C-alpha atoms as a PDB file:
ATOM      1  CA  UNK A   1       0.000   0.000   0.000  1.00  0.00           C
ATOM      2  CA  UNK A   2       1.695   3.249  -1.118  1.00  0.00           C
ATOM      3  CA  UNK A   3       1.171   6.667   0.436  1.00  0.00           C
ATOM      4  CA  UNK A   4      -1.364   7.709  -2.195  1.00  0.00           C
ATOM      5  CA  UNK A   5      -3.570   4.716  -1.474  1.00  0.00           C
ATOM      6  CA  UNK A   6      -3.203   5.281   2.241  1.00  0.00           C
ATOM      7  CA  UNK A   7      -4.550   8.814   1.807  1.00  0.00           C
ATOM      8  CA  UNK A   8      -7.662   7.380   0.182  1.00  0.00           C
ATOM      9  CA  UNK A   9      -8.486   4.288   2.190  1.00  0.00           C
ATOM     10  CA  UNK A  10     -12.022   3.477   1.100  1.00  0.00           C
ATOM     11  CA  UNK A  11     -13.088   2.476   4.577  1.00  0.00           C
ATOM     12  CA  UNK A  12     -11.909   5.860   5.885  1.00  0.00           C
ATOM     13  CA  UNK A  13     -13.836   7.696   3.174  1.00  0.00           C
ATOM     14  CA  UNK A  14     -16.994   5.768   4.104  1.00  0.00           C
ATOM     15  CA  UNK A  15     -16.335   6.536   7.768  1.00  0.00           C
ATOM     16  CA  UNK A  16     -16.195  10.261   6.969  1.00  0.00           C
ATOM     17  CA  UNK A  17     -19.661  10.036   5.466  1.00  0.00           C
ATOM     18  CA  UNK A  18     -21.083   8.238   8.491  1.00  0.00           C
ATOM     19  CA  UNK A  19     -19.490  10.783  10.836  1.00  0.00           C
ATOM     20  CA  UNK A  20     -20.858  13.713   8.819  1.00  0.00           C
ATOM     21  CA  UNK A  21     -24.404  12.305   9.077  1.00  0.00           C
ATOM     22  CA  UNK A  22     -23.864  11.712  12.804  1.00  0.00           C
ATOM     23  CA  UNK A  23     -22.833  15.336  13.379  1.00  0.00           C
ATOM     24  CA  UNK A  24     -25.779  16.720  11.389  1.00  0.00           C
ATOM     25  CA  UNK A  25     -28.246  14.617  13.370  1.00  0.00           C
ATOM     26  CA  UNK A  26     -26.552  15.672  16.593  1.00  0.00           C
ATOM     27  CA  UNK A  27     -26.954  19.350  15.777  1.00  0.00           C
ATOM     28  CA  UNK A  28     -30.589  18.889  14.800  1.00  0.00           C
ATOM     29  CA  UNK A  29     -31.169  17.111  18.108  1.00  0.00           C
ATOM     30  CA  UNK A  30     -30.108  20.206  20.045  1.00  0.00           C
ATOM     31  CA  UNK A  31     -33.203  22.000  18.740  1.00  0.00           C
ATOM     32  CA  UNK A  32     -35.522  19.193  19.763  1.00  0.00           C
ATOM     33  CA  UNK A  33     -36.391  17.009  22.723  1.00  0.00           C
ATOM     34  CA  UNK A  34     -34.576  13.915  21.417  1.00  0.00           C
ATOM     35  CA  UNK A  35     -32.101  13.902  24.259  1.00  0.00           C
ATOM     36  CA  UNK A  36     -32.793  12.590  27.709  1.00  0.00           C
ATOM     37  CA  UNK A  37     -31.177  11.038  30.730  1.00  0.00           C
ATOM     38  CA  UNK A  38     -29.368   8.374  28.680  1.00  0.00           C
ATOM     39  CA  UNK A  39     -28.691  10.479  25.578  1.00  0.00           C
ATOM     40  CA  UNK A  40     -26.438  13.537  25.478  1.00  0.00           C
ATOM     41  CA  UNK A  41     -27.955  16.677  23.955  1.00  0.00           C
ATOM     42  CA  UNK A  42     -25.645  16.600  20.918  1.00  0.00           C
ATOM     43  CA  UNK A  43     -25.861  12.807  20.569  1.00  0.00           C
ATOM     44  CA  UNK A  44     -22.181  12.491  21.542  1.00  0.00           C
ATOM     45  CA  UNK A  45     -20.952  14.562  18.607  1.00  0.00           C
ATOM     46  CA  UNK A  46     -17.648  14.978  20.420  1.00  0.00           C
ATOM     47  CA  UNK A  47     -16.725  11.394  19.568  1.00  0.00           C
ATOM     48  CA  UNK A  48     -17.498  11.878  15.879  1.00  0.00           C
ATOM     49  CA  UNK A  49     -15.430  15.076  15.794  1.00  0.00           C
ATOM     50  CA  UNK A  50     -12.523  13.320  17.490  1.00  0.00           C
ATOM     51  CA  UNK A  51     -12.477  10.652  14.778  1.00  0.00           C
ATOM     52  CA  UNK A  52     -12.547  13.404  12.121  1.00  0.00           C
ATOM     53  CA  UNK A  53      -9.420  14.875  13.742  1.00  0.00           C
ATOM     54  CA  UNK A  54      -7.707  11.479  13.754  1.00  0.00           C
ATOM     55  CA  UNK A  55      -8.451  11.091  10.046  1.00  0.00           C
ATOM     56  CA  UNK A  56      -7.107  14.568   9.357  1.00  0.00           C
ATOM     57  CA  UNK A  57      -3.880  13.780  11.189  1.00  0.00           C
ATOM     58  CA  UNK A  58      -3.573  10.622   9.116  1.00  0.00           C
ATOM     59  CA  UNK A  59      -4.306  12.320   5.772  1.00  0.00           C
ATOM     60  CA  UNK A  60      -1.875  15.217   6.183  1.00  0.00           C
ATOM     61  CA  UNK A  61       0.884  12.892   7.397  1.00  0.00           C
ATOM     62  CA  UNK A  62       0.325  10.782   4.257  1.00  0.00           C
ATOM     63  CA  UNK A  63       0.356  13.890   2.054  1.00  0.00           C
ATOM     64  CA  UNK A  64       3.606  15.203   3.516  1.00  0.00           C
ATOM     65  CA  UNK A  65       5.218  11.761   3.342  1.00  0.00           C
ATOM     66  CA  UNK A  66       4.187  11.166  -0.280  1.00  0.00           C
ATOM     67  CA  UNK A  67       4.865  14.614  -1.672  1.00  0.00           C
ATOM     68  CA  UNK A  68       7.505  16.607   0.216  1.00  0.00           C
ATOM     69  CA  UNK A  69       7.524  20.199  -1.001  1.00  0.00           C
ATOM     70  CA  UNK A  70       8.587  23.664   0.039  1.00  0.00           C
ATOM     71  CA  UNK A  71       6.527  25.023   2.908  1.00  0.00           C
ATOM     72  CA  UNK A  72       5.285  27.976   0.860  1.00  0.00           C
ATOM     73  CA  UNK A  73       3.869  25.722  -1.853  1.00  0.00           C
ATOM     74  CA  UNK A  74       2.434  23.278   0.690  1.00  0.00           C
ATOM     75  CA  UNK A  75       0.584  25.944   2.707  1.00  0.00           C
ATOM     76  CA  UNK A  76      -0.638  27.677  -0.464  1.00  0.00           C
ATOM     77  CA  UNK A  77      -2.231  24.423  -1.622  1.00  0.00           C
ATOM     78  CA  UNK A  78      -3.842  23.941   1.787  1.00  0.00           C
ATOM     79  CA  UNK A  79      -5.152  27.529   1.797  1.00  0.00           C
ATOM     80  CA  UNK A  80      -6.704  27.111  -1.656  1.00  0.00           C
ATOM     81  CA  UNK A  81      -8.569  24.039  -0.412  1.00  0.00           C
ATOM     82  CA  UNK A  82     -10.030  25.866   2.578  1.00  0.00           C
ATOM     83  CA  UNK A  83     -10.406  29.588   2.044  1.00  0.00           C
ATOM     84  CA  UNK A  84     -12.494  30.023  -1.139  1.00  0.00           C
ATOM     85  CA  UNK A  85     -15.515  28.173   0.282  1.00  0.00           C
ATOM     86  CA  UNK A  86     -14.840  29.322   3.839  1.00  0.00           C
ATOM     87  CA  UNK A  87     -14.715  33.027   2.945  1.00  0.00           C
ATOM     88  CA  UNK A  88     -17.847  32.722   0.805  1.00  0.00           C
ATOM     89  CA  UNK A  89     -19.893  31.295   3.676  1.00  0.00           C
ATOM     90  CA  UNK A  90     -18.285  33.657   6.159  1.00  0.00           C
ATOM     91  CA  UNK A  91     -19.388  36.601   4.018  1.00  0.00           C
ATOM     92  CA  UNK A  92     -22.953  35.267   3.916  1.00  0.00           C
ATOM     93  CA  UNK A  93     -22.912  34.792   7.681  1.00  0.00           C
ATOM     94  CA  UNK A  94     -21.693  38.347   8.238  1.00  0.00           C
ATOM     95  CA  UNK A  95     -24.512  39.701   6.073  1.00  0.00           C
ATOM     96  CA  UNK A  96     -27.065  37.602   7.979  1.00  0.00           C
ATOM     97  CA  UNK A  97     -25.733  38.279  11.496  1.00  0.00           C
ATOM     98  CA  UNK A  98     -28.705  40.484  12.484  1.00  0.00           C
ATOM     99  CA  UNK A  99     -31.153  37.964  11.054  1.00  0.00           C
ATOM    100  CA  UNK A 100     -29.430  35.150  12.979  1.00  0.00           C
ATOM    101  CA  UNK A 101     -29.990  36.930  16.291  1.00  0.00           C
ATOM    102  CA  UNK A 102     -33.659  37.564  15.486  1.00  0.00           C
ATOM    103  CA  UNK A 103     -34.105  33.941  14.448  1.00  0.00           C
ATOM    104  CA  UNK A 104     -32.667  32.544  17.663  1.00  0.00           C
ATOM    105  CA  UNK A 105     -34.650  34.971  19.798  1.00  0.00           C
ATOM    106  CA  UNK A 106     -37.856  33.771  18.147  1.00  0.00           C
ATOM    107  CA  UNK A 107     -36.862  30.097  17.923  1.00  0.00           C
ATOM    108  CA  UNK A 108     -38.700  27.420  19.927  1.00  0.00           C
ATOM    109  CA  UNK A 109     -36.995  26.540  23.161  1.00  0.00           C
ATOM    110  CA  UNK A 110     -34.319  23.885  22.714  1.00  0.00           C
ATOM    111  CA  UNK A 111     -31.340  22.718  24.676  1.00  0.00           C
ATOM    112  CA  UNK A 112     -29.019  25.072  22.741  1.00  0.00           C
ATOM    113  CA  UNK A 113     -31.417  27.970  22.080  1.00  0.00           C
ATOM    114  CA  UNK A 114     -30.088  30.160  24.902  1.00  0.00           C
ATOM    115  CA  UNK A 115     -26.458  29.455  24.046  1.00  0.00           C
ATOM    116  CA  UNK A 116     -26.971  30.222  20.368  1.00  0.00           C
ATOM    117  CA  UNK A 117     -28.783  33.447  21.231  1.00  0.00           C
ATOM    118  CA  UNK A 118     -25.812  34.489  23.362  1.00  0.00           C
ATOM    119  CA  UNK A 119     -23.389  33.679  20.551  1.00  0.00           C
ATOM    120  CA  UNK A 120     -25.434  35.716  18.060  1.00  0.00           C
ATOM    121  CA  UNK A 121     -25.560  38.662  20.480  1.00  0.00           C
ATOM    122  CA  UNK A 122     -21.809  38.491  21.162  1.00  0.00           C
ATOM    123  CA  UNK A 123     -21.177  38.328  17.423  1.00  0.00           C
ATOM    124  CA  UNK A 124     -22.922  41.664  16.883  1.00  0.00           C
ATOM    125  CA  UNK A 125     -21.488  43.282  20.007  1.00  0.00           C
ATOM    126  CA  UNK A 126     -17.884  42.537  19.014  1.00  0.00           C
ATOM    127  CA  UNK A 127     -18.254  42.119  15.268  1.00  0.00           C
ATOM    128  CA  UNK A 128     -15.144  44.056  14.106  1.00  0.00           C
ATOM    129  CA  UNK A 129     -12.875  41.947  16.305  1.00  0.00           C
ATOM    130  CA  UNK A 130     -14.623  38.716  15.396  1.00  0.00           C
ATOM    131  CA  UNK A 131     -14.294  39.528  11.717  1.00  0.00           C
ATOM    132  CA  UNK A 132     -10.597  40.356  12.093  1.00  0.00           C
ATOM    133  CA  UNK A 133      -9.988  37.009  13.791  1.00  0.00           C
ATOM    134  CA  UNK A 134     -12.157  35.031  11.354  1.00  0.00           C
ATOM    135  CA  UNK A 135     -10.734  36.358   8.085  1.00  0.00           C
ATOM    136  CA  UNK A 136      -7.410  34.507   8.546  1.00  0.00           C
ATOM    137  CA  UNK A 137      -9.278  31.617  10.252  1.00  0.00           C
ATOM    138  CA  UNK A 138      -7.253  32.127  13.412  1.00  0.00           C
ATOM    139  CA  UNK A 139     -10.119  32.773  15.809  1.00  0.00           C
ATOM    140  CA  UNK A 140      -9.189  29.543  17.582  1.00  0.00           C
ATOM    141  CA  UNK A 141      -6.111  31.326  18.922  1.00  0.00           C
ATOM    142  CA  UNK A 142      -8.086  34.091  20.635  1.00  0.00           C
ATOM    143  CA  UNK A 143      -8.899  33.455  24.335  1.00  0.00           C
ATOM    144  CA  UNK A 144     -12.573  33.573  25.266  1.00  0.00           C
ATOM    145  CA  UNK A 145     -12.007  36.145  27.996  1.00  0.00           C
ATOM    146  CA  UNK A 146     -10.651  38.570  25.377  1.00  0.00           C
ATOM    147  CA  UNK A 147     -13.333  37.928  22.761  1.00  0.00           C
ATOM    148  CA  UNK A 148     -16.579  36.286  23.935  1.00  0.00           C
ATOM    149  CA  UNK A 149     -17.927  33.499  21.698  1.00  0.00           C
ATOM    150  CA  UNK A 150     -14.789  33.608  19.561  1.00  0.00           C
ATOM    151  CA  UNK A 151     -15.248  29.950  18.576  1.00  0.00           C
ATOM    152  CA  UNK A 152     -18.728  30.276  17.115  1.00  0.00           C
ATOM    153  CA  UNK A 153     -19.220  33.900  16.031  1.00  0.00           C
ATOM    154  CA  UNK A 154     -20.765  34.462  12.587  1.00  0.00           C
ATOM    155  CA  UNK A 155     -20.281  30.889  11.355  1.00  0.00           C
ATOM    156  CA  UNK A 156     -20.435  28.360  14.174  1.00  0.00           C
ATOM    157  CA  UNK A 157     -19.073  25.481  12.122  1.00  0.00           C
ATOM    158  CA  UNK A 158     -15.937  27.507  11.388  1.00  0.00           C
ATOM    159  CA  UNK A 159     -14.439  26.510  14.723  1.00  0.00           C
ATOM    160  CA  UNK A 160     -13.310  23.301  12.998  1.00  0.00           C
ATOM    161  CA  UNK A 161     -11.971  25.295  10.019  1.00  0.00           C
ATOM    162  CA  UNK A 162      -9.760  27.288  12.374  1.00  0.00           C
ATOM    163  CA  UNK A 163      -8.609  24.073  14.049  1.00  0.00           C
ATOM    164  CA  UNK A 164      -7.732  22.445  10.712  1.00  0.00           C
ATOM    165  CA  UNK A 165      -5.931  25.558   9.514  1.00  0.00           C
ATOM    166  CA  UNK A 166      -3.830  25.681  12.677  1.00  0.00           C
ATOM    167  CA  UNK A 167      -2.879  22.044  12.102  1.00  0.00           C
ATOM    168  CA  UNK A 168      -1.954  22.713   8.479  1.00  0.00           C
ATOM    169  CA  UNK A 169       0.260  25.603   9.555  1.00  0.00           C
ATOM    170  CA  UNK A 170       2.321  23.526  11.977  1.00  0.00           C
ATOM    171  CA  UNK A 171       1.983  20.017  10.517  1.00  0.00           C
ATOM    172  CA  UNK A 172       5.277  19.856   8.550  1.00  0.00           C
ATOM    173  CA  UNK A 173       7.287  21.010  11.563  1.00  0.00           C
ATOM    174  CA  UNK A 174       5.338  18.915  14.061  1.00  0.00           C
ATOM    175  CA  UNK A 175       5.546  15.738  11.977  1.00  0.00           C
ATOM    176  CA  UNK A 176       9.262  16.302  11.366  1.00  0.00           C
ATOM    177  CA  UNK A 177       9.815  16.675  15.104  1.00  0.00           C
ATOM    178  CA  UNK A 178       7.878  13.480  15.847  1.00  0.00           C
ATOM    179  CA  UNK A 179       9.549  11.361  13.160  1.00  0.00           C
ATOM    180  CA  UNK A 180      13.166  12.550  13.385  1.00  0.00           C
ATOM    181  CA  UNK A 181      15.709  10.658  15.432  1.00  0.00           C
ATOM    182  CA  UNK A 182      15.273  11.693  19.032  1.00  0.00           C
ATOM    183  CA  UNK A 183      18.016  13.490  20.905  1.00  0.00           C
ATOM    184  CA  UNK A 184      18.142  15.577  24.050  1.00  0.00           C
ATOM    185  CA  UNK A 185      17.125  18.768  22.238  1.00  0.00           C
ATOM    186  CA  UNK A 186      14.110  17.210  20.517  1.00  0.00           C
ATOM    187  CA  UNK A 187      12.986  15.401  23.658  1.00  0.00           C
ATOM    188  CA  UNK A 188      13.307  18.614  25.619  1.00  0.00           C
ATOM    189  CA  UNK A 189      11.339  20.508  22.974  1.00  0.00           C
ATOM    190  CA  UNK A 190       8.498  17.969  23.092  1.00  0.00           C
ATOM    191  CA  UNK A 191       8.350  17.994  26.878  1.00  0.00           C
ATOM    192  CA  UNK A 192       8.477  21.784  27.077  1.00  0.00           C
ATOM    193  CA  UNK A 193       5.829  22.100  24.374  1.00  0.00           C
ATOM    194  CA  UNK A 194       3.555  19.629  26.156  1.00  0.00           C
ATOM    195  CA  UNK A 195       3.873  21.507  29.460  1.00  0.00           C
ATOM    196  CA  UNK A 196       3.203  24.904  27.871  1.00  0.00           C
ATOM    197  CA  UNK A 197       0.232  23.509  25.944  1.00  0.00           C
ATOM    198  CA  UNK A 198      -1.251  21.917  29.065  1.00  0.00           C
ATOM    199  CA  UNK A 199      -1.001  25.280  30.825  1.00  0.00           C
ATOM    200  CA  UNK A 200      -2.583  27.226  27.965  1.00  0.00           C
ATOM    201  CA  UNK A 201      -5.419  24.872  26.928  1.00  0.00           C
ATOM    202  CA  UNK A 202      -7.831  25.676  29.801  1.00  0.00           C
ATOM    203  CA  UNK A 203      -7.594  29.364  28.909  1.00  0.00           C
ATOM    204  CA  UNK A 204      -8.255  28.910  25.198  1.00  0.00           C
ATOM    205  CA  UNK A 205     -11.377  28.216  23.087  1.00  0.00           C
ATOM    206  CA  UNK A 206     -12.386  24.762  21.896  1.00  0.00           C
ATOM    207  CA  UNK A 207     -10.828  25.321  18.473  1.00  0.00           C
ATOM    208  CA  UNK A 208      -7.353  25.910  19.890  1.00  0.00           C
ATOM    209  CA  UNK A 209      -5.131  23.200  18.434  1.00  0.00           C
ATOM    210  CA  UNK A 210      -3.399  22.481  21.718  1.00  0.00           C
ATOM    211  CA  UNK A 211      -6.428  20.669  23.057  1.00  0.00           C
ATOM    212  CA  UNK A 212      -6.586  18.408  19.990  1.00  0.00           C
ATOM    213  CA  UNK A 213      -2.902  17.610  19.509  1.00  0.00           C
ATOM    214  CA  UNK A 214      -3.233  14.128  21.071  1.00  0.00           C
ATOM    215  CA  UNK A 215      -5.877  13.212  18.465  1.00  0.00           C
ATOM    216  CA  UNK A 216      -3.838  14.649  15.590  1.00  0.00           C
ATOM    217  CA  UNK A 217      -0.762  12.829  16.899  1.00  0.00           C
ATOM    218  CA  UNK A 218      -2.625   9.528  17.049  1.00  0.00           C
ATOM    219  CA  UNK A 219      -3.707  10.020  13.433  1.00  0.00           C
ATOM    220  CA  UNK A 220      -0.102  10.727  12.417  1.00  0.00           C
ATOM    221  CA  UNK A 221       1.124   7.663  14.326  1.00  0.00           C
ATOM    222  CA  UNK A 222      -1.532   5.516  12.625  1.00  0.00           C
ATOM    223  CA  UNK A 223      -0.228   6.508   9.209  1.00  0.00           C
ATOM    224  CA  UNK A 224       3.362   5.676  10.047  1.00  0.00           C
ATOM    225  CA  UNK A 225       2.318   2.387  11.656  1.00  0.00           C
ATOM    226  CA  UNK A 226       0.447   1.397   8.481  1.00  0.00           C
ATOM    227  CA  UNK A 227       3.392   2.484   6.349  1.00  0.00           C
ATOM    228  CA  UNK A 228       5.810   0.420   8.466  1.00  0.00           C
ATOM    229  CA  UNK A 229       3.485  -2.587   8.367  1.00  0.00           C
ATOM    230  CA  UNK A 230       3.205  -2.406   4.581  1.00  0.00           C
ATOM    231  CA  UNK A 231       6.970  -2.086   4.224  1.00  0.00           C
ATOM    232  CA  UNK A 232       7.437  -5.171   6.399  1.00  0.00           C
ATOM    233  CA  UNK A 233       5.008  -7.116   4.227  1.00  0.00           C
ATOM    234  CA  UNK A 234       7.038  -6.310   1.130  1.00  0.00           C
ATOM    235  CA  UNK A 235      10.360  -7.180   2.776  1.00  0.00           C
ATOM    236  CA  UNK A 236       9.290 -10.440   4.418  1.00  0.00           C
ATOM    237  CA  UNK A 237       8.095 -12.962   1.783  1.00  0.00           C
ATOM    238  CA  UNK A 238       5.023 -15.014   2.573  1.00  0.00           C
ATOM    239  CA  UNK A 239       5.413 -18.796   2.752  1.00  0.00           C
END
């Protein structure tokens, strides 16, 4: 199995579809009474999102392994995959920000109605700062105490766009650090980075990459495990 095939494992592609349906149903459930004592309000969307992050870690590790290229070209390609559609829907959301607040104020009571009303109100109250943070998709780096509702302003789903973009920005360096031969400097860098991240995460929004690095790392490790296993199969002949 070469790197290109590993980027497009059919089972993983099917899993993405299942997870997408799961997340949609989970969001719809927050506006209804589907949840109860045994069912979380969002139908455990967190687990589906975590698997998405694992798959992203896997896919970008495979991409970088298969096609090493200058950082400028790599990040330009990543930006062109994200920003055209993202900026289009962000622009629509900015234009409809007033309407969004009115809609949530008039919406039937649901488990997330109050929270979404607060987000819509914060979006309008701090709109210039939210827009400045959202345009480069770096709102996941802005602490909540500095900018309320920074994760979900304008376009709530964009919290995951910011998270992905942060991963794309650091992925080549992070993967190189993880896969290079370890020495005292690299081990010290990993330990120091882990300590700093653990200190910062509680003060940052949900879309801050520090809180999701374990999931990204597991996805990266899965790719290299599969690559090593395939290499071993080719080297060791079957009886």
